[in-house]
mmCIF file of all heavy atoms, coordinates in Angstrom:
data_MODEL
# 
_entry.id   MODEL 
# 
loop_
_atom_site.group_PDB 
_atom_site.id 
_atom_site.type_symbol 
_atom_site.label_atom_id 
_atom_site.label_alt_id 
_atom_site.label_comp_id 
_atom_site.label_asym_id 
_atom_site.label_entity_id 
_atom_site.label_seq_id 
_atom_site.pdbx_PDB_ins_code 
_atom_site.Cartn_x 
_atom_site.Cartn_y 
_atom_site.Cartn_z 
_atom_site.occupancy 
_atom_site.B_iso_or_equiv 
_atom_site.pdbx_formal_charge 
_atom_site.auth_seq_id 
_atom_site.auth_comp_id 
_atom_site.auth_asym_id 
_atom_site.auth_atom_id 
_atom_site.pdbx_PDB_model_num 
ATOM 1   N N   . ASP A 1 1  ? -22.930 156.332 37.338 1.00 0.00 ? 1  ASP A N   1 
ATOM 2   C CA  . ASP A 1 1  ? -21.859 156.314 36.234 1.00 0.00 ? 1  ASP A CA  1 
ATOM 3   C C   . ASP A 1 1  ? -21.355 157.689 35.941 1.00 0.00 ? 1  ASP A C   1 
ATOM 4   O O   . ASP A 1 1  ? -20.241 157.826 35.518 1.00 0.00 ? 1  ASP A O   1 
ATOM 5   C CB  . ASP A 1 1  ? -22.351 155.632 35.016 1.00 0.00 ? 1  ASP A CB  1 
ATOM 6   C CG  . ASP A 1 1  ? -22.889 154.200 35.273 1.00 0.00 ? 1  ASP A CG  1 
ATOM 7   O OD1 . ASP A 1 1  ? -22.111 153.385 35.798 1.00 0.00 ? 1  ASP A OD1 1 
ATOM 8   O OD2 . ASP A 1 1  ? -24.093 153.866 35.067 1.00 0.00 ? 1  ASP A OD2 1 
ATOM 9   N N   . GLN A 1 2  ? -22.250 158.681 36.090 1.00 0.00 ? 2  GLN A N   1 
ATOM 10  C CA  . GLN A 1 2  ? -21.883 160.100 35.812 1.00 0.00 ? 2  GLN A CA  1 
ATOM 11  C C   . GLN A 1 2  ? -22.661 160.992 36.745 1.00 0.00 ? 2  GLN A C   1 
ATOM 12  O O   . GLN A 1 2  ? -23.718 160.698 37.097 1.00 0.00 ? 2  GLN A O   1 
ATOM 13  C CB  . GLN A 1 2  ? -22.058 160.474 34.319 1.00 0.00 ? 2  GLN A CB  1 
ATOM 14  C CG  . GLN A 1 2  ? -23.488 160.337 33.822 1.00 0.00 ? 2  GLN A CG  1 
ATOM 15  C CD  . GLN A 1 2  ? -23.734 158.926 33.239 1.00 0.00 ? 2  GLN A CD  1 
ATOM 16  O OE1 . GLN A 1 2  ? -22.754 158.318 32.660 1.00 0.00 ? 2  GLN A OE1 1 
ATOM 17  N NE2 . GLN A 1 2  ? -24.966 158.514 33.265 1.00 0.00 ? 2  GLN A NE2 1 
ATOM 18  N N   . ILE A 1 3  ? -22.004 162.187 36.954 1.00 0.00 ? 3  ILE A N   1 
ATOM 19  C CA  . ILE A 1 3  ? -22.557 163.222 37.693 1.00 0.00 ? 3  ILE A CA  1 
ATOM 20  C C   . ILE A 1 3  ? -22.635 164.505 36.902 1.00 0.00 ? 3  ILE A C   1 
ATOM 21  O O   . ILE A 1 3  ? -21.756 164.798 36.058 1.00 0.00 ? 3  ILE A O   1 
ATOM 22  C CB  . ILE A 1 3  ? -21.752 163.499 38.999 1.00 0.00 ? 3  ILE A CB  1 
ATOM 23  C CG1 . ILE A 1 3  ? -21.858 162.351 39.965 1.00 0.00 ? 3  ILE A CG1 1 
ATOM 24  C CG2 . ILE A 1 3  ? -22.220 164.792 39.618 1.00 0.00 ? 3  ILE A CG2 1 
ATOM 25  C CD1 . ILE A 1 3  ? -20.933 162.472 41.220 1.00 0.00 ? 3  ILE A CD1 1 
ATOM 26  N N   . TYR A 1 4  ? -23.803 165.166 36.974 1.00 0.00 ? 4  TYR A N   1 
ATOM 27  C CA  . TYR A 1 4  ? -23.994 166.484 36.384 1.00 0.00 ? 4  TYR A CA  1 
ATOM 28  C C   . TYR A 1 4  ? -24.246 167.554 37.457 1.00 0.00 ? 4  TYR A C   1 
ATOM 29  O O   . TYR A 1 4  ? -25.070 167.210 38.330 1.00 0.00 ? 4  TYR A O   1 
ATOM 30  C CB  . TYR A 1 4  ? -25.165 166.536 35.396 1.00 0.00 ? 4  TYR A CB  1 
ATOM 31  C CG  . TYR A 1 4  ? -25.138 165.421 34.344 1.00 0.00 ? 4  TYR A CG  1 
ATOM 32  C CD1 . TYR A 1 4  ? -25.694 164.142 34.624 1.00 0.00 ? 4  TYR A CD1 1 
ATOM 33  C CD2 . TYR A 1 4  ? -24.566 165.581 33.083 1.00 0.00 ? 4  TYR A CD2 1 
ATOM 34  C CE1 . TYR A 1 4  ? -25.730 163.198 33.695 1.00 0.00 ? 4  TYR A CE1 1 
ATOM 35  C CE2 . TYR A 1 4  ? -24.620 164.625 32.126 1.00 0.00 ? 4  TYR A CE2 1 
ATOM 36  C CZ  . TYR A 1 4  ? -25.228 163.455 32.462 1.00 0.00 ? 4  TYR A CZ  1 
ATOM 37  O OH  . TYR A 1 4  ? -25.191 162.410 31.460 1.00 0.00 ? 4  TYR A OH  1 
ATOM 38  N N   . ALA A 1 5  ? -23.617 168.577 37.515 1.00 0.00 ? 5  ALA A N   1 
ATOM 39  C CA  . ALA A 1 5  ? -23.733 169.582 38.611 1.00 0.00 ? 5  ALA A CA  1 
ATOM 40  C C   . ALA A 1 5  ? -23.734 171.013 38.247 1.00 0.00 ? 5  ALA A C   1 
ATOM 41  O O   . ALA A 1 5  ? -23.034 171.346 37.231 1.00 0.00 ? 5  ALA A O   1 
ATOM 42  C CB  . ALA A 1 5  ? -22.662 169.282 39.693 1.00 0.00 ? 5  ALA A CB  1 
ATOM 43  N N   . CYS A 1 6  ? -24.523 171.797 38.948 1.00 0.00 ? 6  CYS A N   1 
ATOM 44  C CA  . CYS A 1 6  ? -24.448 173.264 38.792 1.00 0.00 ? 6  CYS A CA  1 
ATOM 45  C C   . CYS A 1 6  ? -24.716 173.901 40.184 1.00 0.00 ? 6  CYS A C   1 
ATOM 46  O O   . CYS A 1 6  ? -25.615 173.457 40.848 1.00 0.00 ? 6  CYS A O   1 
ATOM 47  C CB  . CYS A 1 6  ? -25.500 173.721 37.807 1.00 0.00 ? 6  CYS A CB  1 
ATOM 48  S SG  . CYS A 1 6  ? -25.435 175.541 37.498 1.00 0.00 ? 6  CYS A SG  1 
ATOM 49  N N   . GLY A 1 7  ? -23.868 174.844 40.522 1.00 0.00 ? 7  GLY A N   1 
ATOM 50  C CA  . GLY A 1 7  ? -24.076 175.492 41.822 1.00 0.00 ? 7  GLY A CA  1 
ATOM 51  C C   . GLY A 1 7  ? -22.858 176.422 42.104 1.00 0.00 ? 7  GLY A C   1 
ATOM 52  O O   . GLY A 1 7  ? -21.950 176.671 41.286 1.00 0.00 ? 7  GLY A O   1 
ATOM 53  N N   . PRO A 1 8  ? -22.720 176.876 43.433 1.00 0.00 ? 8  PRO A N   1 
ATOM 54  C CA  . PRO A 1 8  ? -21.643 177.728 43.782 1.00 0.00 ? 8  PRO A CA  1 
ATOM 55  C C   . PRO A 1 8  ? -20.301 176.966 43.804 1.00 0.00 ? 8  PRO A C   1 
ATOM 56  O O   . PRO A 1 8  ? -20.248 175.781 43.840 1.00 0.00 ? 8  PRO A O   1 
ATOM 57  C CB  . PRO A 1 8  ? -22.049 178.118 45.220 1.00 0.00 ? 8  PRO A CB  1 
ATOM 58  C CG  . PRO A 1 8  ? -22.980 177.073 45.679 1.00 0.00 ? 8  PRO A CG  1 
ATOM 59  C CD  . PRO A 1 8  ? -23.784 176.601 44.473 1.00 0.00 ? 8  PRO A CD  1 
ATOM 60  N N   . LEU A 1 9  ? -19.237 177.711 43.747 1.00 0.00 ? 9  LEU A N   1 
ATOM 61  C CA  . LEU A 1 9  ? -17.942 177.177 43.606 1.00 0.00 ? 9  LEU A CA  1 
ATOM 62  C C   . LEU A 1 9  ? -17.541 176.143 44.683 1.00 0.00 ? 9  LEU A C   1 
ATOM 63  O O   . LEU A 1 9  ? -16.968 175.058 44.275 1.00 0.00 ? 9  LEU A O   1 
ATOM 64  C CB  . LEU A 1 9  ? -16.837 178.305 43.516 1.00 0.00 ? 9  LEU A CB  1 
ATOM 65  C CG  . LEU A 1 9  ? -15.472 177.969 43.009 1.00 0.00 ? 9  LEU A CG  1 
ATOM 66  C CD1 . LEU A 1 9  ? -15.496 177.240 41.640 1.00 0.00 ? 9  LEU A CD1 1 
ATOM 67  C CD2 . LEU A 1 9  ? -14.574 179.140 42.990 1.00 0.00 ? 9  LEU A CD2 1 
ATOM 68  N N   . PRO A 1 10 ? -17.763 176.445 45.993 1.00 0.00 ? 10 PRO A N   1 
ATOM 69  C CA  . PRO A 1 10 ? -17.433 175.485 46.986 1.00 0.00 ? 10 PRO A CA  1 
ATOM 70  C C   . PRO A 1 10 ? -18.133 174.116 46.719 1.00 0.00 ? 10 PRO A C   1 
ATOM 71  O O   . PRO A 1 10 ? -17.610 173.046 46.991 1.00 0.00 ? 10 PRO A O   1 
ATOM 72  C CB  . PRO A 1 10 ? -17.875 176.057 48.270 1.00 0.00 ? 10 PRO A CB  1 
ATOM 73  C CG  . PRO A 1 10 ? -17.837 177.499 47.976 1.00 0.00 ? 10 PRO A CG  1 
ATOM 74  C CD  . PRO A 1 10 ? -18.269 177.713 46.538 1.00 0.00 ? 10 PRO A CD  1 
ATOM 75  N N   . MET A 1 11 ? -19.415 174.151 46.279 1.00 0.00 ? 11 MET A N   1 
ATOM 76  C CA  . MET A 1 11 ? -20.075 172.909 45.947 1.00 0.00 ? 11 MET A CA  1 
ATOM 77  C C   . MET A 1 11 ? -19.355 172.179 44.778 1.00 0.00 ? 11 MET A C   1 
ATOM 78  O O   . MET A 1 11 ? -19.200 170.923 44.845 1.00 0.00 ? 11 MET A O   1 
ATOM 79  C CB  . MET A 1 11 ? -21.590 173.211 45.607 1.00 0.00 ? 11 MET A CB  1 
ATOM 80  C CG  . MET A 1 11 ? -22.459 172.000 45.505 1.00 0.00 ? 11 MET A CG  1 
ATOM 81  S SD  . MET A 1 11 ? -23.959 172.253 44.603 1.00 0.00 ? 11 MET A SD  1 
ATOM 82  C CE  . MET A 1 11 ? -23.385 171.933 42.910 1.00 0.00 ? 11 MET A CE  1 
ATOM 83  N N   . LEU A 1 12 ? -19.086 172.914 43.758 1.00 0.00 ? 12 LEU A N   1 
ATOM 84  C CA  . LEU A 1 12 ? -18.433 172.272 42.565 1.00 0.00 ? 12 LEU A CA  1 
ATOM 85  C C   . LEU A 1 12 ? -17.110 171.635 42.987 1.00 0.00 ? 12 LEU A C   1 
ATOM 86  O O   . LEU A 1 12 ? -16.786 170.589 42.409 1.00 0.00 ? 12 LEU A O   1 
ATOM 87  C CB  . LEU A 1 12 ? -18.306 173.279 41.511 1.00 0.00 ? 12 LEU A CB  1 
ATOM 88  C CG  . LEU A 1 12 ? -19.648 173.843 40.955 1.00 0.00 ? 12 LEU A CG  1 
ATOM 89  C CD1 . LEU A 1 12 ? -19.326 174.832 39.777 1.00 0.00 ? 12 LEU A CD1 1 
ATOM 90  C CD2 . LEU A 1 12 ? -20.553 172.706 40.409 1.00 0.00 ? 12 LEU A CD2 1 
ATOM 91  N N   . ARG A 1 13 ? -16.330 172.264 43.861 1.00 0.00 ? 13 ARG A N   1 
ATOM 92  C CA  . ARG A 1 13 ? -15.103 171.738 44.317 1.00 0.00 ? 13 ARG A CA  1 
ATOM 93  C C   . ARG A 1 13 ? -15.356 170.405 45.009 1.00 0.00 ? 13 ARG A C   1 
ATOM 94  O O   . ARG A 1 13 ? -14.624 169.372 44.720 1.00 0.00 ? 13 ARG A O   1 
ATOM 95  C CB  . ARG A 1 13 ? -14.447 172.684 45.267 1.00 0.00 ? 13 ARG A CB  1 
ATOM 96  C CG  . ARG A 1 13 ? -13.755 173.784 44.656 1.00 0.00 ? 13 ARG A CG  1 
ATOM 97  C CD  . ARG A 1 13 ? -12.742 174.546 45.581 1.00 0.00 ? 13 ARG A CD  1 
ATOM 98  N NE  . ARG A 1 13 ? -12.310 175.768 45.124 1.00 0.00 ? 13 ARG A NE  1 
ATOM 99  C CZ  . ARG A 1 13 ? -12.750 176.986 45.572 1.00 0.00 ? 13 ARG A CZ  1 
ATOM 100 N NH1 . ARG A 1 13 ? -13.618 177.057 46.486 1.00 0.00 ? 13 ARG A NH1 1 
ATOM 101 N NH2 . ARG A 1 13 ? -12.282 178.070 45.045 1.00 0.00 ? 13 ARG A NH2 1 
ATOM 102 N N   . GLY A 1 14 ? -16.333 170.322 45.830 1.00 0.00 ? 14 GLY A N   1 
ATOM 103 C CA  . GLY A 1 14 ? -16.722 169.070 46.429 1.00 0.00 ? 14 GLY A CA  1 
ATOM 104 C C   . GLY A 1 14 ? -17.169 167.955 45.583 1.00 0.00 ? 14 GLY A C   1 
ATOM 105 O O   . GLY A 1 14 ? -16.828 166.797 45.739 1.00 0.00 ? 14 GLY A O   1 
ATOM 106 N N   . VAL A 1 15 ? -17.935 168.362 44.503 1.00 0.00 ? 15 VAL A N   1 
ATOM 107 C CA  . VAL A 1 15 ? -18.377 167.373 43.515 1.00 0.00 ? 15 VAL A CA  1 
ATOM 108 C C   . VAL A 1 15 ? -17.264 166.902 42.710 1.00 0.00 ? 15 VAL A C   1 
ATOM 109 O O   . VAL A 1 15 ? -17.101 165.647 42.509 1.00 0.00 ? 15 VAL A O   1 
ATOM 110 C CB  . VAL A 1 15 ? -19.407 168.070 42.597 1.00 0.00 ? 15 VAL A CB  1 
ATOM 111 C CG1 . VAL A 1 15 ? -19.699 167.241 41.386 1.00 0.00 ? 15 VAL A CG1 1 
ATOM 112 C CG2 . VAL A 1 15 ? -20.696 168.380 43.283 1.00 0.00 ? 15 VAL A CG2 1 
ATOM 113 N N   . LYS A 1 16 ? -16.274 167.789 42.344 1.00 0.00 ? 16 LYS A N   1 
ATOM 114 C CA  . LYS A 1 16 ? -15.129 167.280 41.584 1.00 0.00 ? 16 LYS A CA  1 
ATOM 115 C C   . LYS A 1 16 ? -14.300 166.334 42.332 1.00 0.00 ? 16 LYS A C   1 
ATOM 116 O O   . LYS A 1 16 ? -13.882 165.287 41.852 1.00 0.00 ? 16 LYS A O   1 
ATOM 117 C CB  . LYS A 1 16 ? -14.363 168.538 41.193 1.00 0.00 ? 16 LYS A CB  1 
ATOM 118 C CG  . LYS A 1 16 ? -13.053 168.153 40.406 1.00 0.00 ? 16 LYS A CG  1 
ATOM 119 C CD  . LYS A 1 16 ? -12.152 169.408 40.140 1.00 0.00 ? 16 LYS A CD  1 
ATOM 120 C CE  . LYS A 1 16 ? -10.818 168.964 39.455 1.00 0.00 ? 16 LYS A CE  1 
ATOM 121 N NZ  . LYS A 1 16 ? -10.002 170.202 38.979 1.00 0.00 ? 16 LYS A NZ  1 
ATOM 122 N N   . ASP A 1 17 ? -14.037 166.624 43.650 1.00 0.00 ? 17 ASP A N   1 
ATOM 123 C CA  . ASP A 1 17 ? -13.290 165.732 44.547 1.00 0.00 ? 17 ASP A CA  1 
ATOM 124 C C   . ASP A 1 17 ? -13.935 164.457 44.694 1.00 0.00 ? 17 ASP A C   1 
ATOM 125 O O   . ASP A 1 17 ? -13.300 163.375 44.599 1.00 0.00 ? 17 ASP A O   1 
ATOM 126 C CB  . ASP A 1 17 ? -12.984 166.507 45.787 1.00 0.00 ? 17 ASP A CB  1 
ATOM 127 C CG  . ASP A 1 17 ? -12.054 167.632 45.746 1.00 0.00 ? 17 ASP A CG  1 
ATOM 128 O OD1 . ASP A 1 17 ? -11.358 167.743 44.703 1.00 0.00 ? 17 ASP A OD1 1 
ATOM 129 O OD2 . ASP A 1 17 ? -11.953 168.385 46.629 1.00 0.00 ? 17 ASP A OD2 1 
ATOM 130 N N   . TYR A 1 18 ? -15.259 164.411 44.915 1.00 0.00 ? 18 TYR A N   1 
ATOM 131 C CA  . TYR A 1 18 ? -15.971 163.243 45.218 1.00 0.00 ? 18 TYR A CA  1 
ATOM 132 C C   . TYR A 1 18 ? -15.929 162.340 43.999 1.00 0.00 ? 18 TYR A C   1 
ATOM 133 O O   . TYR A 1 18 ? -15.784 161.124 44.002 1.00 0.00 ? 18 TYR A O   1 
ATOM 134 C CB  . TYR A 1 18 ? -17.400 163.563 45.571 1.00 0.00 ? 18 TYR A CB  1 
ATOM 135 C CG  . TYR A 1 18 ? -18.328 162.374 45.793 1.00 0.00 ? 18 TYR A CG  1 
ATOM 136 C CD1 . TYR A 1 18 ? -18.211 161.712 46.997 1.00 0.00 ? 18 TYR A CD1 1 
ATOM 137 C CD2 . TYR A 1 18 ? -19.117 161.948 44.798 1.00 0.00 ? 18 TYR A CD2 1 
ATOM 138 C CE1 . TYR A 1 18 ? -19.105 160.520 47.139 1.00 0.00 ? 18 TYR A CE1 1 
ATOM 139 C CE2 . TYR A 1 18 ? -19.912 160.785 44.893 1.00 0.00 ? 18 TYR A CE2 1 
ATOM 140 C CZ  . TYR A 1 18 ? -19.891 160.034 46.106 1.00 0.00 ? 18 TYR A CZ  1 
ATOM 141 O OH  . TYR A 1 18 ? -20.700 158.942 46.249 1.00 0.00 ? 18 TYR A OH  1 
ATOM 142 N N   . ALA A 1 19 ? -16.141 162.961 42.801 1.00 0.00 ? 19 ALA A N   1 
ATOM 143 C CA  . ALA A 1 19 ? -16.220 162.179 41.545 1.00 0.00 ? 19 ALA A CA  1 
ATOM 144 C C   . ALA A 1 19 ? -14.858 161.528 41.234 1.00 0.00 ? 19 ALA A C   1 
ATOM 145 O O   . ALA A 1 19 ? -14.650 160.348 40.898 1.00 0.00 ? 19 ALA A O   1 
ATOM 146 C CB  . ALA A 1 19 ? -16.590 163.080 40.310 1.00 0.00 ? 19 ALA A CB  1 
ATOM 147 N N   . ALA A 1 20 ? -13.781 162.322 41.492 1.00 0.00 ? 20 ALA A N   1 
ATOM 148 C CA  . ALA A 1 20 ? -12.443 161.837 41.238 1.00 0.00 ? 20 ALA A CA  1 
ATOM 149 C C   . ALA A 1 20 ? -12.104 160.644 42.193 1.00 0.00 ? 20 ALA A C   1 
ATOM 150 O O   . ALA A 1 20 ? -11.551 159.636 41.752 1.00 0.00 ? 20 ALA A O   1 
ATOM 151 C CB  . ALA A 1 20 ? -11.384 162.929 41.402 1.00 0.00 ? 20 ALA A CB  1 
ATOM 152 N N   . LYS A 1 21 ? -12.421 160.792 43.418 1.00 0.00 ? 21 LYS A N   1 
ATOM 153 C CA  . LYS A 1 21 ? -12.167 159.758 44.340 1.00 0.00 ? 21 LYS A CA  1 
ATOM 154 C C   . LYS A 1 21 ? -12.981 158.429 44.208 1.00 0.00 ? 21 LYS A C   1 
ATOM 155 O O   . LYS A 1 21 ? -12.532 157.364 44.513 1.00 0.00 ? 21 LYS A O   1 
ATOM 156 C CB  . LYS A 1 21 ? -12.463 160.256 45.858 1.00 0.00 ? 21 LYS A CB  1 
ATOM 157 C CG  . LYS A 1 21 ? -11.499 161.281 46.364 1.00 0.00 ? 21 LYS A CG  1 
ATOM 158 C CD  . LYS A 1 21 ? -11.945 161.856 47.668 1.00 0.00 ? 21 LYS A CD  1 
ATOM 159 C CE  . LYS A 1 21 ? -10.969 162.924 48.194 1.00 0.00 ? 21 LYS A CE  1 
ATOM 160 N NZ  . LYS A 1 21 ? -11.372 163.568 49.452 1.00 0.00 ? 21 LYS A NZ  1 
ATOM 161 N N   . ASN A 1 22 ? -14.079 158.534 43.549 1.00 0.00 ? 22 ASN A N   1 
ATOM 162 C CA  . ASN A 1 22 ? -14.949 157.422 43.293 1.00 0.00 ? 22 ASN A CA  1 
ATOM 163 C C   . ASN A 1 22 ? -14.944 156.915 41.920 1.00 0.00 ? 22 ASN A C   1 
ATOM 164 O O   . ASN A 1 22 ? -15.704 156.046 41.518 1.00 0.00 ? 22 ASN A O   1 
ATOM 165 C CB  . ASN A 1 22 ? -16.398 157.743 43.756 1.00 0.00 ? 22 ASN A CB  1 
ATOM 166 C CG  . ASN A 1 22 ? -16.488 157.881 45.261 1.00 0.00 ? 22 ASN A CG  1 
ATOM 167 O OD1 . ASN A 1 22 ? -16.647 156.884 45.906 1.00 0.00 ? 22 ASN A OD1 1 
ATOM 168 N ND2 . ASN A 1 22 ? -16.367 159.086 45.760 1.00 0.00 ? 22 ASN A ND2 1 
ATOM 169 N N   . GLY A 1 23 ? -14.112 157.514 41.006 1.00 0.00 ? 23 GLY A N   1 
ATOM 170 C CA  . GLY A 1 23 ? -13.953 157.042 39.586 1.00 0.00 ? 23 GLY A CA  1 
ATOM 171 C C   . GLY A 1 23 ? -15.130 157.325 38.800 1.00 0.00 ? 23 GLY A C   1 
ATOM 172 O O   . GLY A 1 23 ? -15.592 156.527 37.907 1.00 0.00 ? 23 GLY A O   1 
ATOM 173 N N   . ILE A 1 24 ? -15.867 158.405 39.112 1.00 0.00 ? 24 ILE A N   1 
ATOM 174 C CA  . ILE A 1 24 ? -17.103 158.768 38.356 1.00 0.00 ? 24 ILE A CA  1 
ATOM 175 C C   . ILE A 1 24 ? -16.781 160.011 37.437 1.00 0.00 ? 24 ILE A C   1 
ATOM 176 O O   . ILE A 1 24 ? -16.211 160.876 37.847 1.00 0.00 ? 24 ILE A O   1 
ATOM 177 C CB  . ILE A 1 24 ? -18.220 159.165 39.364 1.00 0.00 ? 24 ILE A CB  1 
ATOM 178 C CG1 . ILE A 1 24 ? -18.490 158.080 40.367 1.00 0.00 ? 24 ILE A CG1 1 
ATOM 179 C CG2 . ILE A 1 24 ? -19.508 159.472 38.609 1.00 0.00 ? 24 ILE A CG2 1 
ATOM 180 C CD1 . ILE A 1 24 ? -19.333 158.468 41.461 1.00 0.00 ? 24 ILE A CD1 1 
ATOM 181 N N   . SER A 1 25 ? -17.301 159.959 36.179 1.00 0.00 ? 25 SER A N   1 
ATOM 182 C CA  . SER A 1 25 ? -17.094 161.070 35.335 1.00 0.00 ? 25 SER A CA  1 
ATOM 183 C C   . SER A 1 25 ? -18.073 162.170 35.799 1.00 0.00 ? 25 SER A C   1 
ATOM 184 O O   . SER A 1 25 ? -19.150 161.825 36.257 1.00 0.00 ? 25 SER A O   1 
ATOM 185 C CB  . SER A 1 25 ? -17.457 160.701 33.860 1.00 0.00 ? 25 SER A CB  1 
ATOM 186 O OG  . SER A 1 25 ? -18.813 160.295 33.702 1.00 0.00 ? 25 SER A OG  1 
ATOM 187 N N   . ALA A 1 26 ? -17.704 163.413 35.753 1.00 0.00 ? 26 ALA A N   1 
ATOM 188 C CA  . ALA A 1 26 ? -18.537 164.534 36.149 1.00 0.00 ? 26 ALA A CA  1 
ATOM 189 C C   . ALA A 1 26 ? -18.441 165.685 35.205 1.00 0.00 ? 26 ALA A C   1 
ATOM 190 O O   . ALA A 1 26 ? -17.417 166.067 34.744 1.00 0.00 ? 26 ALA A O   1 
ATOM 191 C CB  . ALA A 1 26 ? -18.033 165.009 37.602 1.00 0.00 ? 26 ALA A CB  1 
ATOM 192 N N   . GLN A 1 27 ? -19.580 166.302 34.922 1.00 0.00 ? 27 GLN A N   1 
ATOM 193 C CA  . GLN A 1 27 ? -19.725 167.538 34.187 1.00 0.00 ? 27 GLN A CA  1 
ATOM 194 C C   . GLN A 1 27 ? -20.268 168.606 35.124 1.00 0.00 ? 27 GLN A C   1 
ATOM 195 O O   . GLN A 1 27 ? -21.201 168.388 35.803 1.00 0.00 ? 27 GLN A O   1 
ATOM 196 C CB  . GLN A 1 27 ? -20.574 167.371 33.017 1.00 0.00 ? 27 GLN A CB  1 
ATOM 197 C CG  . GLN A 1 27 ? -20.176 166.385 31.950 1.00 0.00 ? 27 GLN A CG  1 
ATOM 198 C CD  . GLN A 1 27 ? -21.166 166.233 30.849 1.00 0.00 ? 27 GLN A CD  1 
ATOM 199 O OE1 . GLN A 1 27 ? -21.775 167.191 30.324 1.00 0.00 ? 27 GLN A OE1 1 
ATOM 200 N NE2 . GLN A 1 27 ? -21.432 164.936 30.467 1.00 0.00 ? 27 GLN A NE2 1 
ATOM 201 N N   . ILE A 1 28 ? -19.534 169.788 35.131 1.00 0.00 ? 28 ILE A N   1 
ATOM 202 C CA  . ILE A 1 28 ? -20.003 170.809 35.992 1.00 0.00 ? 28 ILE A CA  1 
ATOM 203 C C   . ILE A 1 28 ? -20.267 172.075 35.253 1.00 0.00 ? 28 ILE A C   1 
ATOM 204 O O   . ILE A 1 28 ? -19.609 172.346 34.235 1.00 0.00 ? 28 ILE A O   1 
ATOM 205 C CB  . ILE A 1 28 ? -18.994 171.148 37.051 1.00 0.00 ? 28 ILE A CB  1 
ATOM 206 C CG1 . ILE A 1 28 ? -17.643 171.517 36.444 1.00 0.00 ? 28 ILE A CG1 1 
ATOM 207 C CG2 . ILE A 1 28 ? -18.760 169.922 37.957 1.00 0.00 ? 28 ILE A CG2 1 
ATOM 208 C CD1 . ILE A 1 28 ? -16.570 171.913 37.479 1.00 0.00 ? 28 ILE A CD1 1 
# 
């Protein structure tokens, strides 16, 4: 239902895109 993430910028970009495509809220 939600994602929490911390890491390097390329990883965070991937998390943001994945969350948006799958309709998941994400905090980075």
